[in-house]
Amino acid sequence: MRKQFSPHWRDDVNQIFADFEQSELIEPWRQYYYHLLQTYSNDELKAMVERLKQYNPQQSLIRPIIESVWEPITVEDNWQPFYDLLKQISE
């Protein structure tokens, strides 16, 4: 199962977000995306993977950061970690 983009999605439509539950909503999008991927060369797909790795961090790495900011807000009404994180993201 793949949660992130893979160049192999171009080879098999069923690999595109294979971990998602099959539904009427995702299937038309999956077919469209599969056909769109056919228009890209292997080099373009590899470059796409690198760009996504650079700009899209893993969700599992973000959750602990969010929780570390949320706790001071809920426990101490301390918003400074939140503001610090916003500043860091906007830079």
N, C-alpha and C. Protein backbone atom coordinates (compact mmCIF):
# COMPACT_ATOMS: atom_id res chain seq x y z
N MET A 1 0.83 -1.19 0.00
CA MET A 1 0.00 0.00 0.00
C MET A 1 0.88 1.25 0.00
N ARG A 2 0.46 2.21 -0.77
CA ARG A 2 1.23 3.45 -0.88
C ARG A 2 0.39 4.64 -0.44
N LYS A 3 0.94 5.40 0.48
CA LYS A 3 0.27 6.62 0.92
C LYS A 3 0.84 7.84 0.21
N GLN A 4 2.01 7.68 -0.37
CA GLN A 4 2.66 8.80 -1.04
C GLN A 4 2.84 8.47 -2.51
N PHE A 5 3.01 9.53 -3.28
CA PHE A 5 3.17 9.37 -4.71
C PHE A 5 4.31 8.42 -5.05
N SER A 6 4.08 7.63 -6.07
CA SER A 6 5.10 6.73 -6.58
C SER A 6 5.04 6.73 -8.09
N PRO A 7 6.19 6.72 -8.76
CA PRO A 7 6.19 6.63 -10.22
C PRO A 7 5.52 5.34 -10.71
N HIS A 8 5.46 4.34 -9.86
CA HIS A 8 4.83 3.06 -10.22
C HIS A 8 3.33 3.19 -10.38
N TRP A 9 2.77 4.28 -9.92
CA TRP A 9 1.33 4.50 -10.10
C TRP A 9 0.99 4.53 -11.59
N ARG A 10 1.95 4.92 -12.40
CA ARG A 10 1.71 4.97 -13.84
C ARG A 10 1.55 3.56 -14.42
N ASP A 11 2.10 2.56 -13.75
CA ASP A 11 2.06 1.19 -14.24
C ASP A 11 0.77 0.46 -13.88
N ASP A 12 0.14 0.87 -12.79
CA ASP A 12 -1.04 0.13 -12.32
C ASP A 12 -1.97 1.08 -11.57
N VAL A 13 -3.13 1.32 -12.13
CA VAL A 13 -4.09 2.23 -11.52
C VAL A 13 -4.46 1.80 -10.10
N ASN A 14 -4.42 0.52 -9.82
CA ASN A 14 -4.81 0.02 -8.50
C ASN A 14 -3.78 0.35 -7.41
N GLN A 15 -2.60 0.79 -7.80
CA GLN A 15 -1.60 1.19 -6.81
C GLN A 15 -1.82 2.61 -6.30
N ILE A 16 -2.60 3.39 -7.02
CA ILE A 16 -2.83 4.78 -6.63
C ILE A 16 -3.69 4.81 -5.37
N PHE A 17 -3.10 5.29 -4.30
CA PHE A 17 -3.77 5.33 -3.00
C PHE A 17 -4.46 4.01 -2.70
N ALA A 18 -3.69 2.93 -2.83
CA ALA A 18 -4.23 1.59 -2.63
C ALA A 18 -4.74 1.37 -1.22
N ASP A 19 -4.26 2.17 -0.26
CA ASP A 19 -4.70 2.00 1.12
C ASP A 19 -6.04 2.67 1.40
N PHE A 20 -6.56 3.44 0.43
CA PHE A 20 -7.87 4.05 0.60
C PHE A 20 -8.95 3.01 0.34
N GLU A 21 -10.01 3.15 1.07
CA GLU A 21 -11.16 2.27 0.86
C GLU A 21 -11.73 2.55 -0.53
N GLN A 22 -12.05 1.50 -1.25
CA GLN A 22 -12.66 1.66 -2.57
C GLN A 22 -14.00 2.36 -2.40
N SER A 23 -14.22 3.38 -3.18
CA SER A 23 -15.48 4.10 -3.09
C SER A 23 -15.83 4.71 -4.43
N GLU A 24 -17.07 5.09 -4.55
CA GLU A 24 -17.54 5.74 -5.78
C GLU A 24 -16.86 7.10 -5.96
N LEU A 25 -16.43 7.69 -4.88
CA LEU A 25 -15.85 9.03 -4.96
C LEU A 25 -14.40 9.01 -5.44
N ILE A 26 -13.63 8.06 -4.99
CA ILE A 26 -12.21 8.07 -5.34
C ILE A 26 -11.93 7.41 -6.68
N GLU A 27 -12.74 6.49 -7.10
CA GLU A 27 -12.44 5.75 -8.33
C GLU A 27 -12.38 6.62 -9.58
N PRO A 28 -13.31 7.52 -9.82
CA PRO A 28 -13.17 8.38 -11.02
C PRO A 28 -11.91 9.24 -10.98
N TRP A 29 -11.59 9.75 -9.79
CA TRP A 29 -10.38 10.56 -9.65
C TRP A 29 -9.16 9.70 -9.92
N ARG A 30 -9.13 8.50 -9.39
CA ARG A 30 -8.00 7.59 -9.58
C ARG A 30 -7.79 7.30 -11.07
N GLN A 31 -8.86 7.07 -11.80
CA GLN A 31 -8.75 6.80 -13.24
C GLN A 31 -8.20 8.03 -13.98
N TYR A 32 -8.70 9.19 -13.63
CA TYR A 32 -8.24 10.41 -14.27
C TYR A 32 -6.76 10.63 -13.98
N TYR A 33 -6.35 10.47 -12.74
CA TYR A 33 -4.96 10.66 -12.33
C TYR A 33 -4.05 9.67 -13.05
N TYR A 34 -4.50 8.43 -13.16
CA TYR A 34 -3.73 7.39 -13.85
C TYR A 34 -3.48 7.81 -15.31
N HIS A 35 -4.51 8.28 -15.98
CA HIS A 35 -4.35 8.70 -17.37
C HIS A 35 -3.45 9.93 -17.48
N LEU A 36 -3.52 10.82 -16.55
CA LEU A 36 -2.65 11.98 -16.53
C LEU A 36 -1.19 11.56 -16.38
N LEU A 37 -0.92 10.59 -15.53
CA LEU A 37 0.45 10.12 -15.32
C LEU A 37 1.05 9.52 -16.59
N GLN A 38 0.22 9.03 -17.48
CA GLN A 38 0.71 8.45 -18.73
C GLN A 38 1.40 9.50 -19.61
N THR A 39 1.12 10.77 -19.36
CA THR A 39 1.68 11.83 -20.19
C THR A 39 3.08 12.26 -19.75
N TYR A 40 3.56 11.74 -18.62
CA TYR A 40 4.86 12.12 -18.10
C TYR A 40 5.92 11.07 -18.43
N SER A 41 7.13 11.53 -18.69
CA SER A 41 8.26 10.62 -18.92
C SER A 41 8.77 10.10 -17.58
N ASN A 42 9.61 9.07 -17.62
CA ASN A 42 10.20 8.53 -16.39
C ASN A 42 11.02 9.60 -15.66
N ASP A 43 11.76 10.40 -16.41
CA ASP A 43 12.56 11.45 -15.79
C ASP A 43 11.68 12.50 -15.11
N GLU A 44 10.57 12.84 -15.74
CA GLU A 44 9.65 13.81 -15.13
C GLU A 44 9.03 13.24 -13.85
N LEU A 45 8.70 11.97 -13.86
CA LEU A 45 8.13 11.34 -12.66
C LEU A 45 9.15 11.30 -11.52
N LYS A 46 10.39 11.00 -11.85
CA LYS A 46 11.45 10.98 -10.82
C LYS A 46 11.65 12.37 -10.24
N ALA A 47 11.63 13.38 -11.10
CA ALA A 47 11.77 14.76 -10.63
C ALA A 47 10.59 15.13 -9.73
N MET A 48 9.40 14.64 -10.07
CA MET A 48 8.21 14.91 -9.27
C MET A 48 8.37 14.31 -7.86
N VAL A 49 8.89 13.10 -7.80
CA VAL A 49 9.12 12.45 -6.50
C VAL A 49 10.07 13.30 -5.66
N GLU A 50 11.14 13.79 -6.26
CA GLU A 50 12.11 14.60 -5.51
C GLU A 50 11.49 15.91 -5.02
N ARG A 51 10.70 16.55 -5.86
CA ARG A 51 10.03 17.79 -5.43
C ARG A 51 9.07 17.53 -4.29
N LEU A 52 8.33 16.45 -4.37
CA LEU A 52 7.38 16.13 -3.30
C LEU A 52 8.11 15.82 -2.00
N LYS A 53 9.22 15.12 -2.08
CA LYS A 53 10.00 14.82 -0.87
C LYS A 53 10.52 16.11 -0.24
N GLN A 54 10.90 17.06 -1.08
CA GLN A 54 11.45 18.32 -0.60
C GLN A 54 10.39 19.19 0.07
N TYR A 55 9.19 19.24 -0.49
CA TYR A 55 8.18 20.18 -0.02
C TYR A 55 7.07 19.57 0.82
N ASN A 56 6.93 18.27 0.82
CA ASN A 56 5.86 17.62 1.57
C ASN A 56 6.43 16.73 2.67
N PRO A 57 6.58 17.26 3.86
CA PRO A 57 7.12 16.44 4.96
C PRO A 57 6.15 15.32 5.33
N GLN A 58 6.67 14.32 5.97
CA GLN A 58 5.85 13.20 6.43
C GLN A 58 4.87 13.68 7.48
N GLN A 59 3.65 13.25 7.39
CA GLN A 59 2.63 13.65 8.34
C GLN A 59 3.00 13.18 9.75
N SER A 60 3.60 12.02 9.87
CA SER A 60 3.94 11.49 11.19
C SER A 60 4.97 12.38 11.90
N LEU A 61 5.77 13.12 11.13
CA LEU A 61 6.73 14.04 11.73
C LEU A 61 6.07 15.33 12.20
N ILE A 62 4.97 15.68 11.61
CA ILE A 62 4.29 16.92 11.96
C ILE A 62 3.43 16.75 13.22
N ARG A 63 2.81 15.61 13.38
CA ARG A 63 1.89 15.41 14.49
C ARG A 63 2.55 15.67 15.85
N PRO A 64 3.75 15.14 16.13
CA PRO A 64 4.36 15.45 17.44
C PRO A 64 4.61 16.94 17.64
N ILE A 65 4.91 17.65 16.57
CA ILE A 65 5.12 19.08 16.69
C ILE A 65 3.82 19.78 17.07
N ILE A 66 2.75 19.40 16.41
CA ILE A 66 1.45 19.99 16.71
C ILE A 66 1.04 19.69 18.14
N GLU A 67 1.24 18.46 18.57
CA GLU A 67 0.89 18.09 19.94
C GLU A 67 1.74 18.85 20.95
N SER A 68 3.01 19.08 20.63
CA SER A 68 3.87 19.81 21.56
C SER A 68 3.45 21.28 21.68
N VAL A 69 2.84 21.81 20.64
CA VAL A 69 2.35 23.19 20.69
C VAL A 69 0.99 23.24 21.39
N TRP A 70 0.18 22.24 21.15
CA TRP A 70 -1.18 22.21 21.69
C TRP A 70 -1.18 22.05 23.22
N GLU A 71 -0.29 21.25 23.74
CA GLU A 71 -0.28 20.97 25.18
C GLU A 71 -0.10 22.24 26.02
N PRO A 72 0.88 23.10 25.74
CA PRO A 72 1.00 24.33 26.55
C PRO A 72 -0.24 25.22 26.46
N ILE A 73 -0.93 25.20 25.32
CA ILE A 73 -2.14 26.01 25.18
C ILE A 73 -3.23 25.47 26.10
N THR A 74 -3.43 24.16 26.09
CA THR A 74 -4.52 23.58 26.87
C THR A 74 -4.22 23.53 28.36
N VAL A 75 -2.98 23.32 28.71
CA VAL A 75 -2.62 23.17 30.13
C VAL A 75 -2.36 24.51 30.80
N GLU A 76 -1.62 25.40 30.13
CA GLU A 76 -1.17 26.64 30.76
C GLU A 76 -1.70 27.91 30.09
N ASP A 77 -2.50 27.74 29.06
CA ASP A 77 -2.94 28.88 28.24
C ASP A 77 -1.72 29.65 27.72
N ASN A 78 -0.68 28.92 27.37
CA ASN A 78 0.57 29.47 26.86
C ASN A 78 0.58 29.34 25.34
N TRP A 79 0.41 30.43 24.65
CA TRP A 79 0.34 30.43 23.20
C TRP A 79 1.68 30.69 22.53
N GLN A 80 2.72 30.95 23.30
CA GLN A 80 4.01 31.29 22.70
C GLN A 80 4.56 30.19 21.80
N PRO A 81 4.53 28.92 22.18
CA PRO A 81 5.01 27.88 21.25
C PRO A 81 4.25 27.88 19.92
N PHE A 82 2.95 28.17 19.98
CA PHE A 82 2.15 28.26 18.77
C PHE A 82 2.64 29.40 17.88
N TYR A 83 2.85 30.58 18.47
CA TYR A 83 3.34 31.72 17.70
C TYR A 83 4.73 31.46 17.15
N ASP A 84 5.56 30.79 17.93
CA ASP A 84 6.91 30.44 17.46
C ASP A 84 6.84 29.52 16.24
N LEU A 85 5.93 28.55 16.30
CA LEU A 85 5.76 27.63 15.18
C LEU A 85 5.24 28.35 13.94
N LEU A 86 4.29 29.25 14.12
CA LEU A 86 3.80 30.03 12.98
C LEU A 86 4.91 30.85 12.35
N LYS A 87 5.75 31.44 13.17
CA LYS A 87 6.88 32.21 12.64
C LYS A 87 7.84 31.31 11.86
N GLN A 88 8.10 30.14 12.41
CA GLN A 88 9.00 29.19 11.76
C GLN A 88 8.44 28.74 10.41
N ILE A 89 7.15 28.48 10.36
CA ILE A 89 6.53 28.01 9.11
C ILE A 89 6.52 29.11 8.06
N SER A 90 6.31 30.34 8.47
CA SER A 90 6.18 31.43 7.51
C SER A 90 7.51 31.94 6.98
N GLU A 91 8.60 31.53 7.58
CA GLU A 91 9.93 32.00 7.12
C GLU A 91 10.41 31.23 5.91
